[in-house]
Amino acid sequence: MSNMKVSPLQLYLIKPTLDTPFHISREWWEREGRDFRIELRAHLCPEHRAIYKDHFDTEVIDWVDERTGEVIQVDGLQHLIQEHCSRQPEYLGRDVSLVDAVFRVFLANGNRPLTCRELADITGRPAERILRTLSGGRVYKGLRPVLTGQ
């Protein structure tokens, strides 16, 4: 299966279910003219937020996907989130909003698509609430359904 490109209108017409996989759509960030790296900084742990408070440029690094063995280039901040910040106890704490918790799950897992049921298991939030939030009329932080085709 390959990922299909669809218009925002087509996404609007799709009715996701609890078993529809979601991910962070980089295309959405580009289309909206928003800076993904600024958002990454907001999801650093307090330790790294302090270290990088005055640094606006970080390197792109080569990273090996543990599941596939594929070498991909990732932003250094995203690597910090995956390898350190996401492992801190408060990363998905109850004081983190539902949208931020879901967004952080995708930052931590390298943006591997997950269903609302899987997101519920990881975040401890109700799957139905996650679905209502992610499938409403407003797009939060580029969290969109993944569409696959033959």
N, C-alpha and C. Protein backbone atom coordinates (compact mmCIF):
# COMPACT_ATOMS: atom_id res chain seq x y z
N MET A 1 0.83 -1.17 0.00
CA MET A 1 0.00 0.00 0.00
C MET A 1 0.88 1.24 0.00
N SER A 2 0.39 2.29 -0.62
CA SER A 2 1.13 3.55 -0.63
C SER A 2 0.24 4.65 -0.10
N ASN A 3 0.86 5.68 0.47
CA ASN A 3 0.10 6.81 0.96
C ASN A 3 -0.42 7.61 -0.22
N MET A 4 -1.66 8.01 -0.15
CA MET A 4 -2.27 8.78 -1.22
C MET A 4 -2.29 10.25 -0.81
N LYS A 5 -2.11 11.14 -1.77
CA LYS A 5 -2.24 12.57 -1.53
C LYS A 5 -3.70 12.93 -1.73
N VAL A 6 -4.26 13.60 -0.76
CA VAL A 6 -5.65 14.02 -0.87
C VAL A 6 -5.75 15.49 -0.48
N SER A 7 -6.78 16.12 -0.95
CA SER A 7 -6.98 17.53 -0.64
C SER A 7 -7.57 17.69 0.75
N PRO A 8 -7.45 18.88 1.34
CA PRO A 8 -8.09 19.14 2.63
C PRO A 8 -9.59 18.89 2.57
N LEU A 9 -10.23 19.19 1.43
CA LEU A 9 -11.66 18.95 1.29
C LEU A 9 -11.97 17.46 1.39
N GLN A 10 -11.17 16.63 0.74
CA GLN A 10 -11.39 15.19 0.81
C GLN A 10 -11.23 14.69 2.25
N LEU A 11 -10.24 15.21 2.97
CA LEU A 11 -10.07 14.82 4.37
C LEU A 11 -11.29 15.21 5.19
N TYR A 12 -11.86 16.36 4.87
CA TYR A 12 -13.03 16.85 5.59
C TYR A 12 -14.21 15.91 5.40
N LEU A 13 -14.30 15.29 4.24
CA LEU A 13 -15.44 14.42 3.93
C LEU A 13 -15.30 13.01 4.49
N ILE A 14 -14.13 12.65 4.96
CA ILE A 14 -13.88 11.31 5.49
C ILE A 14 -14.35 11.26 6.94
N LYS A 15 -15.02 10.18 7.31
CA LYS A 15 -15.46 10.02 8.69
C LYS A 15 -14.59 8.96 9.34
N PRO A 16 -13.58 9.40 10.10
CA PRO A 16 -12.69 8.43 10.76
C PRO A 16 -13.44 7.62 11.82
N THR A 17 -12.91 6.44 12.09
CA THR A 17 -13.44 5.56 13.13
C THR A 17 -12.35 5.35 14.18
N LEU A 18 -12.67 4.57 15.20
CA LEU A 18 -11.69 4.25 16.24
C LEU A 18 -10.50 3.48 15.68
N ASP A 19 -10.68 2.87 14.52
CA ASP A 19 -9.61 2.07 13.91
C ASP A 19 -8.89 2.79 12.77
N THR A 20 -9.22 4.05 12.54
CA THR A 20 -8.53 4.84 11.52
C THR A 20 -7.18 5.28 12.07
N PRO A 21 -6.09 5.02 11.37
CA PRO A 21 -4.79 5.49 11.86
C PRO A 21 -4.63 6.99 11.63
N PHE A 22 -4.00 7.64 12.60
CA PHE A 22 -3.69 9.07 12.53
C PHE A 22 -2.19 9.26 12.58
N HIS A 23 -1.74 10.45 12.23
CA HIS A 23 -0.33 10.83 12.30
C HIS A 23 -0.24 12.35 12.28
N ILE A 24 0.98 12.87 12.40
CA ILE A 24 1.21 14.30 12.23
C ILE A 24 1.46 14.54 10.75
N SER A 25 0.62 15.35 10.14
CA SER A 25 0.76 15.66 8.72
C SER A 25 1.72 16.83 8.55
N ARG A 26 2.91 16.55 8.03
CA ARG A 26 3.87 17.62 7.75
C ARG A 26 3.33 18.54 6.66
N GLU A 27 2.56 17.98 5.73
CA GLU A 27 1.96 18.80 4.67
C GLU A 27 1.05 19.87 5.27
N TRP A 28 0.32 19.50 6.32
CA TRP A 28 -0.55 20.47 6.98
C TRP A 28 0.28 21.62 7.54
N TRP A 29 1.39 21.31 8.19
CA TRP A 29 2.25 22.36 8.75
C TRP A 29 2.75 23.29 7.66
N GLU A 30 3.16 22.72 6.54
CA GLU A 30 3.64 23.54 5.43
C GLU A 30 2.52 24.39 4.84
N ARG A 31 1.37 23.78 4.61
CA ARG A 31 0.23 24.48 4.02
C ARG A 31 -0.24 25.63 4.91
N GLU A 32 -0.18 25.43 6.22
CA GLU A 32 -0.62 26.45 7.17
C GLU A 32 0.45 27.51 7.42
N GLY A 33 1.66 27.28 6.90
CA GLY A 33 2.74 28.24 7.10
C GLY A 33 3.24 28.30 8.53
N ARG A 34 3.12 27.20 9.25
CA ARG A 34 3.55 27.15 10.64
C ARG A 34 4.91 26.48 10.74
N ASP A 35 5.66 26.84 11.77
CA ASP A 35 7.01 26.32 11.96
C ASP A 35 6.98 25.12 12.90
N PHE A 36 7.18 23.95 12.35
CA PHE A 36 7.15 22.70 13.13
C PHE A 36 8.22 22.70 14.21
N ARG A 37 9.36 23.30 13.92
CA ARG A 37 10.47 23.30 14.88
C ARG A 37 10.13 24.11 16.13
N ILE A 38 9.37 25.18 15.98
CA ILE A 38 8.95 25.94 17.15
C ILE A 38 8.07 25.07 18.03
N GLU A 39 7.18 24.31 17.41
CA GLU A 39 6.32 23.41 18.17
C GLU A 39 7.15 22.33 18.87
N LEU A 40 8.18 21.82 18.19
CA LEU A 40 9.05 20.82 18.82
C LEU A 40 9.64 21.34 20.12
N ARG A 41 10.09 22.58 20.10
CA ARG A 41 10.71 23.18 21.30
C ARG A 41 9.74 23.17 22.48
N ALA A 42 8.47 23.36 22.22
CA ALA A 42 7.47 23.38 23.29
C ALA A 42 7.29 22.01 23.94
N HIS A 43 7.77 20.96 23.29
CA HIS A 43 7.58 19.60 23.81
C HIS A 43 8.87 19.00 24.36
N LEU A 44 9.89 19.82 24.49
CA LEU A 44 11.11 19.37 25.16
C LEU A 44 10.85 19.26 26.65
N CYS A 45 11.57 18.38 27.32
CA CYS A 45 11.47 18.28 28.77
C CYS A 45 12.08 19.55 29.38
N PRO A 46 11.79 19.85 30.64
CA PRO A 46 12.33 21.07 31.25
C PRO A 46 13.86 21.17 31.16
N GLU A 47 14.55 20.06 31.32
CA GLU A 47 16.02 20.07 31.25
C GLU A 47 16.50 20.56 29.89
N HIS A 48 15.95 20.00 28.82
CA HIS A 48 16.40 20.39 27.48
C HIS A 48 15.81 21.73 27.04
N ARG A 49 14.66 22.09 27.56
CA ARG A 49 14.11 23.41 27.26
C ARG A 49 15.06 24.49 27.78
N ALA A 50 15.62 24.26 28.97
CA ALA A 50 16.58 25.22 29.53
C ALA A 50 17.86 25.26 28.71
N ILE A 51 18.34 24.10 28.29
CA ILE A 51 19.58 24.04 27.52
C ILE A 51 19.43 24.73 26.17
N TYR A 52 18.28 24.56 25.53
CA TYR A 52 18.09 25.07 24.17
C TYR A 52 17.29 26.37 24.11
N LYS A 53 17.11 27.05 25.24
CA LYS A 53 16.28 28.25 25.23
C LYS A 53 16.81 29.34 24.31
N ASP A 54 18.12 29.43 24.13
CA ASP A 54 18.70 30.46 23.28
C ASP A 54 19.22 29.92 21.96
N HIS A 55 19.02 28.64 21.70
CA HIS A 55 19.50 28.04 20.45
C HIS A 55 18.32 27.83 19.51
N PHE A 56 18.38 28.44 18.37
CA PHE A 56 17.28 28.33 17.43
C PHE A 56 17.61 27.42 16.26
N ASP A 57 18.87 27.12 16.07
CA ASP A 57 19.27 26.22 15.00
C ASP A 57 19.87 24.96 15.60
N THR A 58 19.32 23.83 15.26
CA THR A 58 19.91 22.56 15.67
C THR A 58 20.18 21.77 14.40
N GLU A 59 21.05 20.82 14.53
CA GLU A 59 21.47 20.04 13.38
C GLU A 59 20.43 19.01 12.98
N VAL A 60 20.49 18.64 11.73
CA VAL A 60 19.77 17.47 11.25
C VAL A 60 20.74 16.31 11.42
N ILE A 61 20.25 15.23 12.02
CA ILE A 61 21.13 14.09 12.28
C ILE A 61 20.60 12.84 11.58
N ASP A 62 21.49 11.89 11.31
CA ASP A 62 21.08 10.60 10.77
C ASP A 62 20.60 9.74 11.93
N TRP A 63 19.46 9.10 11.75
CA TRP A 63 18.87 8.28 12.78
C TRP A 63 18.42 6.97 12.15
N VAL A 64 18.63 5.86 12.85
CA VAL A 64 18.26 4.54 12.33
C VAL A 64 16.93 4.12 12.96
N ASP A 65 15.94 3.88 12.12
CA ASP A 65 14.65 3.39 12.57
C ASP A 65 14.84 1.97 13.07
N GLU A 66 14.56 1.74 14.36
CA GLU A 66 14.78 0.42 14.97
C GLU A 66 13.93 -0.67 14.33
N ARG A 67 12.74 -0.31 13.85
CA ARG A 67 11.84 -1.31 13.27
C ARG A 67 12.25 -1.72 11.87
N THR A 68 12.67 -0.73 11.06
CA THR A 68 12.93 -1.02 9.65
C THR A 68 14.41 -1.05 9.29
N GLY A 69 15.25 -0.48 10.14
CA GLY A 69 16.67 -0.39 9.83
C GLY A 69 16.99 0.74 8.87
N GLU A 70 15.97 1.48 8.45
CA GLU A 70 16.15 2.59 7.52
C GLU A 70 16.84 3.77 8.21
N VAL A 71 17.81 4.35 7.53
CA VAL A 71 18.48 5.55 8.04
C VAL A 71 17.75 6.76 7.48
N ILE A 72 17.27 7.60 8.39
CA ILE A 72 16.57 8.81 7.97
C ILE A 72 17.19 10.01 8.67
N GLN A 73 17.00 11.17 8.09
CA GLN A 73 17.49 12.39 8.73
C GLN A 73 16.37 12.97 9.57
N VAL A 74 16.69 13.29 10.81
CA VAL A 74 15.71 13.89 11.71
C VAL A 74 16.30 15.14 12.34
N ASP A 75 15.43 16.01 12.74
CA ASP A 75 15.82 17.21 13.45
C ASP A 75 16.41 16.80 14.81
N GLY A 76 17.47 17.48 15.21
CA GLY A 76 18.10 17.18 16.49
C GLY A 76 17.14 17.30 17.67
N LEU A 77 16.23 18.28 17.61
CA LEU A 77 15.26 18.43 18.69
C LEU A 77 14.32 17.23 18.74
N GLN A 78 13.89 16.76 17.58
CA GLN A 78 13.01 15.60 17.56
C GLN A 78 13.74 14.37 18.12
N HIS A 79 15.01 14.26 17.80
CA HIS A 79 15.80 13.15 18.33
C HIS A 79 15.86 13.22 19.86
N LEU A 80 16.08 14.41 20.41
CA LEU A 80 16.09 14.58 21.87
C LEU A 80 14.76 14.15 22.48
N ILE A 81 13.68 14.55 21.83
CA ILE A 81 12.36 14.18 22.33
C ILE A 81 12.20 12.66 22.32
N GLN A 82 12.58 12.02 21.21
CA GLN A 82 12.43 10.57 21.10
C GLN A 82 13.30 9.82 22.09
N GLU A 83 14.53 10.25 22.23
CA GLU A 83 15.50 9.48 23.01
C GLU A 83 15.59 9.87 24.49
N HIS A 84 15.11 11.05 24.85
CA HIS A 84 15.23 11.45 26.25
C HIS A 84 13.90 11.98 26.82
N CYS A 85 13.41 13.06 26.25
CA CYS A 85 12.26 13.76 26.84
C CYS A 85 11.03 12.86 26.97
N SER A 86 10.76 12.05 25.95
CA SER A 86 9.57 11.20 25.97
C SER A 86 9.65 10.11 27.03
N ARG A 87 10.81 9.90 27.58
CA ARG A 87 10.99 8.85 28.60
C ARG A 87 10.87 9.40 30.02
N GLN A 88 10.61 10.70 30.13
CA GLN A 88 10.44 11.32 31.44
C GLN A 88 9.02 11.05 31.94
N PRO A 89 8.86 10.83 33.25
CA PRO A 89 7.55 10.45 33.79
C PRO A 89 6.42 11.44 33.49
N GLU A 90 6.72 12.71 33.43
CA GLU A 90 5.67 13.72 33.24
C GLU A 90 5.35 13.99 31.76
N TYR A 91 6.03 13.31 30.86
CA TYR A 91 5.87 13.60 29.42
C TYR A 91 4.42 13.49 28.96
N LEU A 92 3.70 12.48 29.42
CA LEU A 92 2.29 12.31 29.06
C LEU A 92 1.39 12.45 30.28
N GLY A 93 1.83 13.23 31.27
CA GLY A 93 1.09 13.38 32.52
C GLY A 93 -0.29 13.97 32.34
N ARG A 94 -1.08 13.89 33.38
CA ARG A 94 -2.47 14.37 33.35
C ARG A 94 -2.56 15.88 33.13
N ASP A 95 -1.48 16.61 33.43
CA ASP A 95 -1.50 18.05 33.21
C ASP A 95 -1.26 18.42 31.74
N VAL A 96 -0.98 17.44 30.92
CA VAL A 96 -0.78 17.65 29.48
C VAL A 96 -2.14 17.50 28.79
N SER A 97 -2.49 18.46 27.94
CA SER A 97 -3.79 18.39 27.25
C SER A 97 -3.86 17.15 26.37
N LEU A 98 -5.07 16.76 26.02
CA LEU A 98 -5.26 15.59 25.16
C LEU A 98 -4.54 15.78 23.83
N VAL A 99 -4.70 16.94 23.21
CA VAL A 99 -4.05 17.18 21.92
C VAL A 99 -2.54 17.09 22.06
N ASP A 100 -1.98 17.72 23.10
CA ASP A 100 -0.53 17.65 23.29
C ASP A 100 -0.08 16.23 23.59
N ALA A 101 -0.86 15.48 24.36
CA ALA A 101 -0.49 14.09 24.67
C ALA A 101 -0.43 13.26 23.38
N VAL A 102 -1.43 13.40 22.52
CA VAL A 102 -1.44 12.65 21.26
C VAL A 102 -0.27 13.10 20.38
N PHE A 103 -0.07 14.40 20.28
CA PHE A 103 1.04 14.94 19.48
C PHE A 103 2.37 14.39 19.99
N ARG A 104 2.53 14.35 21.31
CA ARG A 104 3.78 13.86 21.91
C ARG A 104 3.99 12.37 21.64
N VAL A 105 2.92 11.60 21.60
CA VAL A 105 3.05 10.18 21.26
C VAL A 105 3.68 10.04 19.88
N PHE A 106 3.20 10.83 18.93
CA PHE A 106 3.75 10.75 17.57
C PHE A 106 5.17 11.28 17.50
N LEU A 107 5.50 12.29 18.29
CA LEU A 107 6.89 12.76 18.34
C LEU A 107 7.78 11.65 18.89
N ALA A 108 7.30 10.96 19.91
CA ALA A 108 8.10 9.92 20.56
C ALA A 108 8.28 8.68 19.68
N ASN A 109 7.26 8.36 18.87
CA ASN A 109 7.36 7.12 18.08
C ASN A 109 7.82 7.35 16.65
N GLY A 110 8.30 8.55 16.35
CA GLY A 110 8.78 8.82 14.99
C GLY A 110 7.65 9.02 13.99
N ASN A 111 6.47 9.40 14.50
CA ASN A 111 5.29 9.66 13.67
C ASN A 111 4.75 8.40 12.99
N ARG A 112 4.90 7.28 13.66
CA ARG A 112 4.31 6.03 13.17
C ARG A 112 2.80 6.10 13.40
N PRO A 113 1.98 5.91 12.37
CA PRO A 113 0.53 6.03 12.51
C PRO A 113 -0.03 5.09 13.57
N LEU A 114 -1.01 5.60 14.31
CA LEU A 114 -1.69 4.84 15.35
C LEU A 114 -3.18 5.13 15.31
N THR A 115 -3.98 4.15 15.71
CA THR A 115 -5.43 4.34 15.79
C THR A 115 -5.77 5.02 17.12
N CYS A 116 -7.00 5.47 17.23
CA CYS A 116 -7.45 6.08 18.48
C CYS A 116 -7.42 5.07 19.62
N ARG A 117 -7.68 3.81 19.32
CA ARG A 117 -7.60 2.77 20.35
C ARG A 117 -6.17 2.64 20.88
N GLU A 118 -5.21 2.64 19.95
CA GLU A 118 -3.80 2.55 20.35
C GLU A 118 -3.37 3.79 21.12
N LEU A 119 -3.81 4.95 20.66
CA LEU A 119 -3.48 6.19 21.35
C LEU A 119 -4.07 6.20 22.76
N ALA A 120 -5.27 5.64 22.91
CA ALA A 120 -5.91 5.56 24.22
C ALA A 120 -5.09 4.68 25.16
N ASP A 121 -4.61 3.56 24.66
CA ASP A 121 -3.78 2.67 25.49
C ASP A 121 -2.52 3.37 25.97
N ILE A 122 -1.93 4.18 25.12
CA ILE A 122 -0.67 4.85 25.45
C ILE A 122 -0.89 6.04 26.37
N THR A 123 -1.93 6.83 26.08
CA THR A 123 -2.13 8.08 26.82
C THR A 123 -3.00 7.93 28.06
N GLY A 124 -3.78 6.85 28.12
CA GLY A 124 -4.71 6.69 29.23
C GLY A 124 -5.95 7.56 29.08
N ARG A 125 -6.18 8.09 27.91
CA ARG A 125 -7.36 8.92 27.63
C ARG A 125 -8.37 8.07 26.86
N PRO A 126 -9.67 8.36 26.98
CA PRO A 126 -10.68 7.55 26.28
C PRO A 126 -10.55 7.64 24.76
N ALA A 127 -10.62 6.50 24.10
CA ALA A 127 -10.49 6.43 22.64
C ALA A 127 -11.56 7.26 21.95
N GLU A 128 -12.79 7.23 22.47
CA GLU A 128 -13.88 7.98 21.85
C GLU A 128 -13.62 9.48 21.92
N ARG A 129 -13.06 9.93 23.02
CA ARG A 129 -12.74 11.37 23.16
C ARG A 129 -11.62 11.76 22.20
N ILE A 130 -10.64 10.90 22.06
CA ILE A 130 -9.55 11.16 21.11
C ILE A 130 -10.13 11.27 19.71
N LEU A 131 -11.00 10.33 19.35
CA LEU A 131 -11.61 10.35 18.02
C LEU A 131 -12.41 11.62 17.79
N ARG A 132 -13.25 12.01 18.75
CA ARG A 132 -14.05 13.24 18.60
C ARG A 132 -13.15 14.45 18.40
N THR A 133 -12.05 14.50 19.15
CA THR A 133 -11.14 15.64 19.05
C THR A 133 -10.43 15.67 17.70
N LEU A 134 -9.91 14.53 17.27
CA LEU A 134 -9.12 14.48 16.04
C LEU A 134 -9.97 14.51 14.77
N SER A 135 -11.24 14.16 14.87
CA SER A 135 -12.06 14.11 13.66
C SER A 135 -13.05 15.27 13.57
N GLY A 136 -12.94 16.23 14.47
CA GLY A 136 -13.81 17.39 14.41
C GLY A 136 -13.43 18.31 13.27
N GLY A 137 -14.12 19.42 13.17
CA GLY A 137 -13.89 20.36 12.08
C GLY A 137 -12.57 21.09 12.16
N ARG A 138 -11.99 21.19 13.34
CA ARG A 138 -10.73 21.89 13.51
C ARG A 138 -9.57 20.89 13.50
N VAL A 139 -8.48 21.27 12.84
CA VAL A 139 -7.28 20.43 12.83
C VAL A 139 -6.34 20.94 13.91
N TYR A 140 -5.96 20.06 14.81
CA TYR A 140 -5.04 20.41 15.89
C TYR A 140 -3.65 19.91 15.56
N LYS A 141 -2.71 20.83 15.46
CA LYS A 141 -1.28 20.51 15.30
C LYS A 141 -1.00 19.51 14.18
N GLY A 142 -1.80 19.55 13.15
CA GLY A 142 -1.56 18.68 11.99
C GLY A 142 -1.93 17.23 12.22
N LEU A 143 -2.65 16.92 13.28
CA LEU A 143 -3.05 15.54 13.56
C LEU A 143 -4.19 15.16 12.61
N ARG A 144 -3.87 14.30 11.64
CA ARG A 144 -4.79 13.97 10.57
C ARG A 144 -4.83 12.46 10.34
N PRO A 145 -5.93 11.97 9.75
CA PRO A 145 -5.98 10.55 9.40
C PRO A 145 -4.97 10.23 8.30
N VAL A 146 -4.47 9.02 8.34
CA VAL A 146 -3.59 8.52 7.28
C VAL A 146 -4.48 7.77 6.30
N LEU A 147 -4.36 8.14 5.04
CA LEU A 147 -5.14 7.46 4.01
C LEU A 147 -4.22 6.56 3.22
N THR A 148 -4.62 5.32 3.06
CA THR A 148 -3.82 4.38 2.27
C THR A 148 -4.67 3.88 1.12
N GLY A 149 -4.00 3.55 0.05
CA GLY A 149 -4.72 3.05 -1.12
C GLY A 149 -3.98 1.87 -1.72
N GLN A 150 -4.61 1.26 -2.63
CA GLN A 150 -4.02 0.10 -3.29
C GLN A 150 -2.98 0.52 -4.28
